[in-house]
Amino acid sequence: MDKTLYGGIEETEEFGEKLYLKGEEELCLSEARHLLVLGDGDPWIKNIAEGPYFMATYQLDWRHLMVKIHQTFSDQPKLVSELIDYLYSGQGEKMLTTVRLARLLCEDEDKRQKIADLVTYIENNQNGLYGSRSLRDKVEAKKVLVCSTGTMEKNIETVIGRRFKKHGMSWKTKGVNNLLKLRTLWYNKSDWDAFWSRQASQGVSFPPIN
């Protein structure tokens, strides 16, 4: 409901601030008792979630974790099922213990390194498996709020992937940032209309878009 998009090629702090201001403008985030930020496990997303603007609950997108589990244990489907069962039943600690044990028992050096990378990934996001402590209402998240950011992933593919990742394309930071700003304006229809109305009021002409 009331979806709004923001995109930019910016440093983490600047991106987080502008993202929050956009959310405040469209959704009045400051009035919310509880905010949830989902991420793919990269630390910068958690830093934004728990920073001074959002003060939100951070949760890891399970889809990204399950992809890593499948990739790490592609030749062990039973173990994959076991680990995912632990995840969905709220037994994150048991899942992590099982992965650690698999690392100890693995004799293949390359695979052992892959398992070690998975262990690190889970450890770094352990407090976000089921929703970290809310910094706004000071209570512990007791249940999974959202399992996946599938809708957001689709937005990324639609807004960014289809335009910027075509065969043979390459971009400079300034160019990709400018075009990304225009595309997010286009998908936020009211922003698009307001932007071009301001341009017209300043005497800037532009061709119609069919």
Protein backbone atom coordinates (compact mmCIF):
# COMPACT_ATOMS: atom_id res chain seq x y z
CA MET A 1 0.00 0.00 0.00
CA ASP A 2 1.12 3.55 -0.75
CA LYS A 3 4.36 2.39 -2.35
CA THR A 4 6.99 5.02 -2.99
CA LEU A 5 10.44 4.55 -4.54
CA TYR A 6 13.76 6.21 -3.93
CA GLY A 7 17.02 5.50 -5.72
CA GLY A 8 20.46 7.03 -5.84
CA ILE A 9 24.18 6.36 -6.27
CA GLU A 10 25.26 7.87 -2.97
CA GLU A 11 27.26 7.21 0.16
CA THR A 12 25.42 5.20 2.80
CA GLU A 13 24.73 8.07 5.19
CA GLU A 14 23.45 10.35 2.42
CA PHE A 15 21.31 7.61 0.91
CA GLY A 16 19.80 6.72 4.29
CA GLU A 17 18.97 10.34 5.06
CA LYS A 18 17.36 11.00 1.67
CA LEU A 19 15.46 7.71 1.80
CA TYR A 20 14.05 8.65 5.19
CA LEU A 21 13.11 12.16 4.06
CA LYS A 22 11.29 10.67 1.07
CA GLY A 23 9.44 8.30 3.38
CA GLU A 24 8.63 11.15 5.75
CA GLU A 25 7.26 13.24 2.88
CA GLU A 26 5.07 10.47 1.49
CA LEU A 27 4.27 8.30 4.54
CA CYS A 28 4.94 10.41 7.67
CA LEU A 29 7.46 7.92 9.05
CA SER A 30 8.11 10.01 12.16
CA GLU A 31 4.58 9.24 13.35
CA ALA A 32 5.04 5.47 13.05
CA ARG A 33 5.50 3.52 16.26
CA HIS A 34 7.32 0.73 14.50
CA LEU A 35 9.34 0.59 11.28
CA LEU A 36 10.73 -2.52 9.59
CA VAL A 37 13.71 -2.47 7.23
CA LEU A 38 14.54 -5.63 5.30
CA GLY A 39 17.88 -6.23 3.62
CA ASP A 40 19.99 -8.79 1.80
CA GLY A 41 22.56 -9.04 4.58
CA ASP A 42 24.95 -6.26 3.62
CA PRO A 43 25.94 -4.33 6.78
CA TRP A 44 25.17 -0.89 5.31
CA ILE A 45 21.44 -1.67 5.21
CA LYS A 46 21.42 -2.67 8.87
CA ASN A 47 23.35 0.51 9.70
CA ILE A 48 20.66 2.60 8.00
CA ALA A 49 17.87 0.69 9.74
CA GLU A 50 19.35 1.16 13.21
CA GLY A 51 20.64 4.69 12.56
CA PRO A 52 19.30 7.97 13.93
CA TYR A 53 16.69 8.46 11.19
CA PHE A 54 14.79 5.19 10.94
CA MET A 55 15.49 3.65 14.38
CA ALA A 56 13.84 0.60 12.88
CA THR A 57 13.70 -3.13 13.33
CA TYR A 58 16.14 -4.79 10.94
CA GLN A 59 15.31 -8.14 9.40
CA LEU A 60 17.23 -10.29 6.96
CA ASP A 61 15.39 -11.25 3.79
CA TRP A 62 15.13 -15.04 4.06
CA ARG A 63 15.21 -15.43 0.29
CA HIS A 64 18.85 -14.33 0.18
CA LEU A 65 19.77 -16.71 3.00
CA MET A 66 18.01 -19.64 1.34
CA VAL A 67 19.79 -18.95 -1.97
CA LYS A 68 23.13 -19.06 -0.15
CA ILE A 69 22.16 -22.31 1.59
CA HIS A 70 21.18 -23.90 -1.74
CA GLN A 71 24.40 -22.71 -3.39
CA THR A 72 26.61 -23.93 -0.54
CA PHE A 73 25.01 -27.37 -0.20
CA SER A 74 23.83 -27.93 -3.77
CA ASP A 75 24.90 -31.60 -3.54
CA GLN A 76 23.14 -32.19 -0.19
CA PRO A 77 19.39 -31.63 -0.70
CA LYS A 78 18.45 -33.29 2.60
CA LEU A 79 20.71 -30.92 4.52
CA VAL A 80 19.26 -27.97 2.62
CA SER A 81 15.73 -29.02 3.64
CA GLU A 82 16.84 -29.49 7.25
CA LEU A 83 18.39 -26.03 7.44
CA ILE A 84 15.37 -24.33 5.88
CA ASP A 85 13.06 -26.19 8.27
CA TYR A 86 15.10 -24.84 11.18
CA LEU A 87 14.81 -21.33 9.75
CA TYR A 88 11.04 -21.45 9.34
CA SER A 89 10.46 -23.07 12.74
CA GLY A 90 12.32 -20.29 14.53
CA GLN A 91 15.39 -22.38 15.30
CA GLY A 92 18.01 -20.06 13.90
CA GLU A 93 20.60 -21.10 16.49
CA LYS A 94 20.17 -24.75 15.57
CA MET A 95 20.52 -23.88 11.89
CA LEU A 96 23.79 -22.08 12.58
CA THR A 97 25.10 -24.92 14.74
CA THR A 98 24.33 -27.41 11.97
CA VAL A 99 26.18 -25.32 9.38
CA ARG A 100 29.19 -25.01 11.70
CA LEU A 101 29.22 -28.79 12.17
CA ALA A 102 29.05 -29.31 8.41
CA ARG A 103 32.12 -27.09 8.06
CA LEU A 104 34.06 -29.17 10.60
CA LEU A 105 33.11 -32.43 8.87
CA CYS A 106 33.83 -31.24 5.33
CA GLU A 107 37.07 -32.58 3.84
CA ASP A 108 36.98 -30.61 0.59
CA GLU A 109 38.94 -27.37 1.01
CA ASP A 110 36.95 -25.33 -1.53
CA LYS A 111 33.60 -26.38 -0.12
CA ARG A 112 34.81 -25.82 3.43
CA GLN A 113 35.55 -22.22 2.48
CA LYS A 114 32.05 -21.83 1.03
CA ILE A 115 30.56 -23.18 4.25
CA ALA A 116 32.77 -20.83 6.27
CA ASP A 117 31.44 -17.90 4.20
CA LEU A 118 27.87 -19.03 4.94
CA VAL A 119 28.66 -19.27 8.66
CA THR A 120 29.99 -15.70 8.61
CA TYR A 121 26.92 -14.48 6.72
CA ILE A 122 24.54 -16.05 9.24
CA GLU A 123 26.55 -14.81 12.22
CA ASN A 124 26.59 -11.24 10.88
CA ASN A 125 22.80 -11.31 10.43
CA GLN A 126 21.83 -13.51 13.35
CA ASN A 127 19.96 -10.82 15.26
CA GLY A 128 18.03 -9.99 12.10
CA LEU A 129 16.74 -13.47 11.33
CA TYR A 130 13.48 -12.88 13.14
CA GLY A 131 13.51 -9.11 13.58
CA SER A 132 15.97 -7.26 15.77
CA ARG A 133 14.99 -5.10 18.75
CA SER A 134 12.83 -2.14 17.81
CA LEU A 135 14.58 1.11 18.70
CA ARG A 136 11.28 3.03 18.66
CA ASP A 137 9.00 1.12 21.03
CA LYS A 138 11.83 -0.65 22.92
CA VAL A 139 10.29 -4.10 22.61
CA GLU A 140 11.68 -7.30 21.18
CA ALA A 141 10.16 -8.48 17.91
CA LYS A 142 8.51 -11.76 18.87
CA LYS A 143 7.68 -13.12 15.45
CA VAL A 144 8.70 -12.91 11.83
CA LEU A 145 7.17 -9.84 10.28
CA VAL A 146 7.99 -10.46 6.61
CA CYS A 147 9.84 -13.43 5.14
CA SER A 148 10.94 -11.89 1.86
CA THR A 149 11.35 -8.63 -0.03
CA GLY A 150 10.13 -10.19 -3.25
CA THR A 151 8.07 -7.13 -4.16
CA MET A 152 11.06 -4.85 -3.70
CA GLU A 153 13.25 -7.17 -5.76
CA LYS A 154 10.74 -6.85 -8.58
CA ASN A 155 10.87 -3.06 -8.29
CA ILE A 156 14.66 -3.16 -8.60
CA GLU A 157 14.42 -5.32 -11.70
CA THR A 158 11.77 -3.07 -13.25
CA VAL A 159 13.27 0.31 -12.40
CA ILE A 160 16.97 -0.50 -12.62
CA GLY A 161 17.66 -3.85 -14.26
CA ARG A 162 15.62 -3.42 -17.44
CA ARG A 163 17.19 -0.04 -18.18
CA PHE A 164 20.75 -0.21 -16.89
CA LYS A 165 21.75 -3.84 -17.42
CA LYS A 166 21.16 -4.30 -21.12
CA HIS A 167 23.82 -6.09 -23.14
CA GLY A 168 26.93 -4.02 -23.75
CA MET A 169 25.96 -1.13 -21.51
CA SER A 170 28.42 0.68 -19.26
CA TRP A 171 27.84 3.71 -17.10
CA LYS A 172 29.62 6.52 -15.31
CA THR A 173 28.43 7.39 -11.81
CA LYS A 174 27.00 10.79 -12.70
CA GLY A 175 25.11 9.50 -15.73
CA VAL A 176 23.58 6.51 -14.00
CA ASN A 177 22.61 8.60 -10.98
CA ASN A 178 20.88 11.24 -13.10
CA LEU A 179 18.94 8.67 -15.10
CA LEU A 180 18.02 6.72 -11.97
CA LYS A 181 16.57 9.89 -10.44
CA LEU A 182 14.41 10.38 -13.53
CA ARG A 183 13.20 6.79 -13.47
CA THR A 184 12.20 6.96 -9.81
CA LEU A 185 10.37 10.21 -10.62
CA TRP A 186 8.54 8.42 -13.42
CA TYR A 187 7.42 5.56 -11.16
CA ASN A 188 6.30 8.02 -8.47
CA LYS A 189 3.68 9.62 -10.71
CA SER A 190 2.86 12.61 -8.51
CA ASP A 191 6.59 13.43 -8.23
CA TRP A 192 6.98 13.23 -12.01
CA ASP A 193 4.09 15.63 -12.65
CA ALA A 194 5.26 18.02 -9.94
CA PHE A 195 8.84 18.02 -11.26
CA TRP A 196 7.89 18.91 -14.83
CA SER A 197 5.35 21.48 -13.63
CA ARG A 198 8.17 23.24 -11.80
CA GLN A 199 10.33 23.09 -14.93
CA ALA A 200 7.54 24.58 -17.02
CA SER A 201 6.95 27.36 -14.49
CA GLN A 202 10.64 28.25 -14.85
CA GLY A 203 10.34 28.46 -18.61
CA VAL A 204 11.94 25.06 -19.38
CA SER A 205 10.25 23.29 -22.28
CA PHE A 206 10.26 19.55 -22.83
CA PRO A 207 8.81 17.16 -25.41
CA PRO A 208 5.70 15.11 -24.57
CA ILE A 209 6.22 11.47 -23.56
CA ASN A 210 3.99 8.90 -25.19
